[in-house]
Structures are given as structure tokens and as C-alpha cells.
C-alpha atoms as a PDB file:
ATOM      1  CA  UNK A   1     128.003 106.621 123.579  1.00  0.00           C
ATOM      2  CA  UNK A   2     128.168 103.222 123.070  1.00  0.00           C
ATOM      3  CA  UNK A   3     124.678 101.665 121.487  1.00  0.00           C
ATOM      4  CA  UNK A   4     125.563 103.980 119.089  1.00  0.00           C
ATOM      5  CA  UNK A   5     128.505 102.055 117.692  1.00  0.00           C
ATOM      6  CA  UNK A   6     126.523  98.790 118.273  1.00  0.00           C
ATOM      7  CA  UNK A   7     123.556 100.588 115.963  1.00  0.00           C
ATOM      8  CA  UNK A   8     126.682 102.151 113.540  1.00  0.00           C
ATOM      9  CA  UNK A   9     128.323  98.800 113.081  1.00  0.00           C
ATOM     10  CA  UNK A  10     124.685  96.855 112.832  1.00  0.00           C
ATOM     11  CA  UNK A  11     123.585  99.531 109.888  1.00  0.00           C
ATOM     12  CA  UNK A  12     126.823  99.471 108.192  1.00  0.00           C
ATOM     13  CA  UNK A  13     127.109  95.382 107.703  1.00  0.00           C
ATOM     14  CA  UNK A  14     122.763  95.347 107.012  1.00  0.00           C
ATOM     15  CA  UNK A  15     122.636  98.509 104.635  1.00  0.00           C
ATOM     16  CA  UNK A  16     125.040  97.514 102.256  1.00  0.00           C
ATOM     17  CA  UNK A  17     121.852  97.915  99.747  1.00  0.00           C
ATOM     18  CA  UNK A  18     121.149 101.151  98.007  1.00  0.00           C
ATOM     19  CA  UNK A  19     117.612 100.384  98.964  1.00  0.00           C
ATOM     20  CA  UNK A  20     117.474 100.814 102.899  1.00  0.00           C
ATOM     21  CA  UNK A  21     117.603 104.383 102.790  1.00  0.00           C
ATOM     22  CA  UNK A  22     117.914 104.493 107.087  1.00  0.00           C
ATOM     23  CA  UNK A  23     116.522 107.725 108.641  1.00  0.00           C
ATOM     24  CA  UNK A  24     115.411 108.507 111.826  1.00  0.00           C
ATOM     25  CA  UNK A  25     111.457 109.264 112.732  1.00  0.00           C
ATOM     26  CA  UNK A  26     109.917 109.941 115.313  1.00  0.00           C
ATOM     27  CA  UNK A  27     107.095 107.805 116.371  1.00  0.00           C
ATOM     28  CA  UNK A  28     104.175 110.635 116.711  1.00  0.00           C
ATOM     29  CA  UNK A  29     103.127 111.174 120.388  1.00  0.00           C
ATOM     30  CA  UNK A  30     105.450 108.771 121.463  1.00  0.00           C
ATOM     31  CA  UNK A  31     109.220 109.433 122.689  1.00  0.00           C
ATOM     32  CA  UNK A  32     110.355 106.930 120.538  1.00  0.00           C
ATOM     33  CA  UNK A  33     111.987 107.188 117.750  1.00  0.00           C
ATOM     34  CA  UNK A  34     113.290 104.305 114.905  1.00  0.00           C
ATOM     35  CA  UNK A  35     115.754 103.970 112.022  1.00  0.00           C
ATOM     36  CA  UNK A  36     113.177 103.358 109.084  1.00  0.00           C
ATOM     37  CA  UNK A  37     115.153 101.905 105.562  1.00  0.00           C
ATOM     38  CA  UNK A  38     112.542 103.908 103.953  1.00  0.00           C
ATOM     39  CA  UNK A  39     110.003 107.448 104.153  1.00  0.00           C
ATOM     40  CA  UNK A  40     107.452 106.402 106.705  1.00  0.00           C
ATOM     41  CA  UNK A  41     103.513 106.683 106.291  1.00  0.00           C
ATOM     42  CA  UNK A  42     101.393 106.692 109.433  1.00  0.00           C
ATOM     43  CA  UNK A  43      97.946 105.349 110.081  1.00  0.00           C
ATOM     44  CA  UNK A  44      95.565 105.078 112.814  1.00  0.00           C
ATOM     45  CA  UNK A  45      92.453 102.834 113.828  1.00  0.00           C
ATOM     46  CA  UNK A  46      90.991 101.699 116.459  1.00  0.00           C
ATOM     47  CA  UNK A  47      91.100  98.086 118.243  1.00  0.00           C
ATOM     48  CA  UNK A  48      89.437  95.774 120.860  1.00  0.00           C
ATOM     49  CA  UNK A  49      91.871  94.034 122.696  1.00  0.00           C
ATOM     50  CA  UNK A  50      88.761  91.779 124.831  1.00  0.00           C
ATOM     51  CA  UNK A  51      88.143  95.043 127.825  1.00  0.00           C
ATOM     52  CA  UNK A  52      87.129  98.254 125.671  1.00  0.00           C
ATOM     53  CA  UNK A  53      89.156  99.543 122.393  1.00  0.00           C
ATOM     54  CA  UNK A  54      91.947 101.410 122.146  1.00  0.00           C
ATOM     55  CA  UNK A  55      94.107 103.553 119.581  1.00  0.00           C
ATOM     56  CA  UNK A  56      96.489 101.488 117.057  1.00  0.00           C
ATOM     57  CA  UNK A  57      98.911 103.990 115.834  1.00  0.00           C
ATOM     58  CA  UNK A  58     101.153 101.570 113.216  1.00  0.00           C
ATOM     59  CA  UNK A  59     104.253 103.780 111.348  1.00  0.00           C
ATOM     60  CA  UNK A  60     106.070 101.366 108.733  1.00  0.00           C
ATOM     61  CA  UNK A  61     107.463 101.062 104.896  1.00  0.00           C
ATOM     62  CA  UNK A  62     108.202  98.971 102.811  1.00  0.00           C
ATOM     63  CA  UNK A  63     111.827  98.774 101.142  1.00  0.00           C
ATOM     64  CA  UNK A  64     114.119  96.051  99.096  1.00  0.00           C
ATOM     65  CA  UNK A  65     111.784  94.260 100.069  1.00  0.00           C
ATOM     66  CA  UNK A  66     110.470  94.023 103.429  1.00  0.00           C
ATOM     67  CA  UNK A  67     108.175  95.712 105.005  1.00  0.00           C
ATOM     68  CA  UNK A  68     108.887  97.240 108.358  1.00  0.00           C
ATOM     69  CA  UNK A  69     106.397  98.452 111.224  1.00  0.00           C
ATOM     70  CA  UNK A  70     106.580 100.245 114.388  1.00  0.00           C
ATOM     71  CA  UNK A  71     103.132 100.084 116.352  1.00  0.00           C
ATOM     72  CA  UNK A  72     101.945 102.001 119.588  1.00  0.00           C
ATOM     73  CA  UNK A  73      98.963 101.350 122.239  1.00  0.00           C
ATOM     74  CA  UNK A  74      98.371 103.004 124.960  1.00  0.00           C
ATOM     75  CA  UNK A  75      96.722 101.307 128.176  1.00  0.00           C
ATOM     76  CA  UNK A  76      94.226 102.467 130.755  1.00  0.00           C
ATOM     77  CA  UNK A  77      95.062  99.776 132.744  1.00  0.00           C
ATOM     78  CA  UNK A  78      99.299  99.000 133.523  1.00  0.00           C
ATOM     79  CA  UNK A  79      98.678  96.017 135.186  1.00  0.00           C
ATOM     80  CA  UNK A  80      97.437  94.658 131.987  1.00  0.00           C
ATOM     81  CA  UNK A  81     100.473  95.538 130.293  1.00  0.00           C
ATOM     82  CA  UNK A  82     102.726  91.569 130.131  1.00  0.00           C
ATOM     83  CA  UNK A  83      99.120  89.925 129.525  1.00  0.00           C
ATOM     84  CA  UNK A  84      98.680  92.672 126.349  1.00  0.00           C
ATOM     85  CA  UNK A  85     101.574  92.452 125.246  1.00  0.00           C
ATOM     86  CA  UNK A  86     100.640  88.123 124.902  1.00  0.00           C
ATOM     87  CA  UNK A  87      98.046  88.900 123.169  1.00  0.00           C
ATOM     88  CA  UNK A  88      99.453  90.665 120.808  1.00  0.00           C
ATOM     89  CA  UNK A  89     102.640  88.850 119.630  1.00  0.00           C
ATOM     90  CA  UNK A  90      99.567  85.331 120.150  1.00  0.00           C
ATOM     91  CA  UNK A  91      97.302  87.730 117.254  1.00  0.00           C
ATOM     92  CA  UNK A  92     100.304  88.092 114.686  1.00  0.00           C
ATOM     93  CA  UNK A  93     101.576  85.055 114.928  1.00  0.00           C
ATOM     94  CA  UNK A  94      98.387  83.569 114.069  1.00  0.00           C
ATOM     95  CA  UNK A  95      97.651  86.112 111.350  1.00  0.00           C
ATOM     96  CA  UNK A  96     100.950  84.969 109.752  1.00  0.00           C
ATOM     97  CA  UNK A  97      99.434  81.138 109.985  1.00  0.00           C
ATOM     98  CA  UNK A  98     103.198  80.865 112.176  1.00  0.00           C
ATOM     99  CA  UNK A  99     102.958  76.906 112.435  1.00  0.00           C
ATOM    100  CA  UNK A 100     103.043  75.568 115.863  1.00  0.00           C
ATOM    101  CA  UNK A 101     106.067  74.981 117.524  1.00  0.00           C
ATOM    102  CA  UNK A 102     107.778  77.721 114.380  1.00  0.00           C
ATOM    103  CA  UNK A 103     107.764  81.226 116.537  1.00  0.00           C
ATOM    104  CA  UNK A 104     111.600  81.457 118.686  1.00  0.00           C
ATOM    105  CA  UNK A 105     111.396  83.734 121.391  1.00  0.00           C
ATOM    106  CA  UNK A 106     114.668  85.469 122.553  1.00  0.00           C
ATOM    107  CA  UNK A 107     114.211  88.299 125.363  1.00  0.00           C
ATOM    108  CA  UNK A 108     113.598  92.038 124.825  1.00  0.00           C
ATOM    109  CA  UNK A 109     114.408  94.737 126.575  1.00  0.00           C
ATOM    110  CA  UNK A 110     114.545  97.957 124.768  1.00  0.00           C
ATOM    111  CA  UNK A 111     116.962 101.090 127.046  1.00  0.00           C
ATOM    112  CA  UNK A 112     114.688 102.611 129.606  1.00  0.00           C
ATOM    113  CA  UNK A 113     111.732 100.388 128.569  1.00  0.00           C
ATOM    114  CA  UNK A 114     110.255  97.832 131.352  1.00  0.00           C
ATOM    115  CA  UNK A 115     111.305  94.361 131.948  1.00  0.00           C
ATOM    116  CA  UNK A 116     108.959  92.846 131.463  1.00  0.00           C
ATOM    117  CA  UNK A 117     108.877  88.775 130.656  1.00  0.00           C
ATOM    118  CA  UNK A 118     106.393  89.741 127.798  1.00  0.00           C
ATOM    119  CA  UNK A 119     109.378  91.414 126.200  1.00  0.00           C
ATOM    120  CA  UNK A 120     110.264  89.419 123.241  1.00  0.00           C
ATOM    121  CA  UNK A 121     112.078  89.399 120.036  1.00  0.00           C
ATOM    122  CA  UNK A 122     110.252  86.427 117.698  1.00  0.00           C
ATOM    123  CA  UNK A 123     111.829  85.155 115.251  1.00  0.00           C
ATOM    124  CA  UNK A 124     108.595  83.005 113.069  1.00  0.00           C
ATOM    125  CA  UNK A 125     107.958  81.747 109.839  1.00  0.00           C
ATOM    126  CA  UNK A 126     104.529  81.552 108.321  1.00  0.00           C
ATOM    127  CA  UNK A 127     101.971  82.469 105.624  1.00  0.00           C
ATOM    128  CA  UNK A 128     100.757  85.861 103.720  1.00  0.00           C
ATOM    129  CA  UNK A 129      96.813  85.973 103.506  1.00  0.00           C
ATOM    130  CA  UNK A 130      97.391  85.818  99.665  1.00  0.00           C
ATOM    131  CA  UNK A 131      99.572  82.273 100.412  1.00  0.00           C
ATOM    132  CA  UNK A 132     103.351  83.067 100.028  1.00  0.00           C
ATOM    133  CA  UNK A 133     105.594  82.369 102.487  1.00  0.00           C
ATOM    134  CA  UNK A 134     106.024  85.322 105.291  1.00  0.00           C
ATOM    135  CA  UNK A 135     109.176  86.077 107.581  1.00  0.00           C
ATOM    136  CA  UNK A 136     109.286  87.690 110.331  1.00  0.00           C
ATOM    137  CA  UNK A 137     111.225  89.301 113.100  1.00  0.00           C
ATOM    138  CA  UNK A 138     109.276  90.724 115.639  1.00  0.00           C
ATOM    139  CA  UNK A 139     109.983  92.650 119.445  1.00  0.00           C
ATOM    140  CA  UNK A 140     107.226  93.239 121.840  1.00  0.00           C
ATOM    141  CA  UNK A 141     107.903  95.489 124.952  1.00  0.00           C
ATOM    142  CA  UNK A 142     106.341  98.566 127.189  1.00  0.00           C
ATOM    143  CA  UNK A 143     107.396 101.468 128.850  1.00  0.00           C
ATOM    144  CA  UNK A 144     105.447 103.801 131.446  1.00  0.00           C
ATOM    145  CA  UNK A 145     105.556 106.862 131.206  1.00  0.00           C
ATOM    146  CA  UNK A 146     103.367 110.089 133.024  1.00  0.00           C
ATOM    147  CA  UNK A 147     101.619 107.789 134.803  1.00  0.00           C
ATOM    148  CA  UNK A 148     100.049 106.050 130.790  1.00  0.00           C
ATOM    149  CA  UNK A 149     101.873 102.785 129.747  1.00  0.00           C
ATOM    150  CA  UNK A 150     103.086 102.379 126.291  1.00  0.00           C
ATOM    151  CA  UNK A 151     103.012  99.345 124.486  1.00  0.00           C
ATOM    152  CA  UNK A 152     104.955  99.026 121.852  1.00  0.00           C
ATOM    153  CA  UNK A 153     105.772  96.563 118.486  1.00  0.00           C
ATOM    154  CA  UNK A 154     108.074  96.379 115.911  1.00  0.00           C
ATOM    155  CA  UNK A 155     108.695  94.033 113.450  1.00  0.00           C
ATOM    156  CA  UNK A 156     110.232  93.064 109.765  1.00  0.00           C
ATOM    157  CA  UNK A 157     108.231  91.477 106.801  1.00  0.00           C
ATOM    158  CA  UNK A 158     109.735  89.827 104.033  1.00  0.00           C
ATOM    159  CA  UNK A 159     109.807  86.191 101.594  1.00  0.00           C
ATOM    160  CA  UNK A 160     112.726  85.465 103.903  1.00  0.00           C
ATOM    161  CA  UNK A 161     114.031  85.462 107.169  1.00  0.00           C
ATOM    162  CA  UNK A 162     116.515  88.938 107.106  1.00  0.00           C
ATOM    163  CA  UNK A 163     117.852  88.989 110.577  1.00  0.00           C
ATOM    164  CA  UNK A 164     120.607  91.221 110.015  1.00  0.00           C
ATOM    165  CA  UNK A 165     118.313  93.878 108.497  1.00  0.00           C
ATOM    166  CA  UNK A 166     116.466  93.325 111.545  1.00  0.00           C
ATOM    167  CA  UNK A 167     119.762  93.496 113.875  1.00  0.00           C
ATOM    168  CA  UNK A 168     120.498  97.282 112.670  1.00  0.00           C
ATOM    169  CA  UNK A 169     115.933  98.038 112.589  1.00  0.00           C
ATOM    170  CA  UNK A 170     116.048  97.110 116.219  1.00  0.00           C
ATOM    171  CA  UNK A 171     118.550  98.623 117.313  1.00  0.00           C
ATOM    172  CA  UNK A 172     117.797 101.706 115.521  1.00  0.00           C
ATOM    173  CA  UNK A 173     114.874 102.063 118.220  1.00  0.00           C
ATOM    174  CA  UNK A 174     115.319 104.020 121.523  1.00  0.00           C
ATOM    175  CA  UNK A 175     112.707 105.333 124.022  1.00  0.00           C
ATOM    176  CA  UNK A 176     113.737 109.168 124.894  1.00  0.00           C
END
């Protein structure tokens, strides 16, 4: 119940803009629900993690000048969860050309997720592929479910840092 009030408060603070129409969305094939401020699209693609290809699923949308996305993948080897989360974080920061020392991390452990050292919330500044500025607020976390390791990444990309909007987005993540 306490989590509900925190999420409601965060949403009311960040959702003053009519462009953010928050809705609860189940991330397909997972026990995760997310609050997204727009109607999401879904995609799946193979990614190579160095030890073989896995399917990465993405649920996301754009609203009020920001991109909101939740990604998910399953790992066959649960012991690799921490290493893959760290690799995933590094790949995201490299893709956005975040300079050394521009990323700031803090622990992020979603209720029901594993308390891994690599489960973090990161704020970073970088460049879009076209060269414009981009700010990211992102989280990475993992959960062992039915003998399979599920890894998650949620992110808000915008031209400028929007921590209140990211707070609302991350507060709306829930593992069932």
C-alpha cells in the first residue's frame, strides 16, 4: 500500500503535462508491469552477449519529448546475471557516447528483484546518433523466476535531464 502512495505522489508531481497519459502495461512474457505515459509499441530482436545470441524484447513509446522503454531478456546461465547487467549498462552508455565520468550510479533494487551490485540507477549525459545532446535516466535489475534468470532495463531518454519524470516511470515498475 505504501508503494502505491509513493507512485501516486511521483506521478502527480511529474504528470502535470497533458502530454503524459500514464497507463499500466504488462511487459509481454514477463511478470513485470510498467507505467508508461503513452501507448507502447513492442519489438523483439536477437542480441549477442558474447556467449551466444538471446532474444531482447522491447516495450516503449515517445511522449512529451522523451523516449520511455523497458527491455527484457532471459539468460540460460543465472550465474552470469551480474556480468550481463554490467555489460548491458556499458553498451547503453557507449551507444549514447557518454563521456568518462559523466554517468552517476546509485543502487536500484526493485521489490521482488535480486539485490545484485550491478542493479543500479544511472543518470548520464551523451550524444544522439545524429549528434544532438541526450540525457538518460536508466535502471537495470534481475529476477530469478521459474528457474530462469530475467534481466530488465528501463530508460528515459530526453534532450535534457528529467529526473522527476524518470522517478514517476521507475516508481511504476512492479514485479508481480
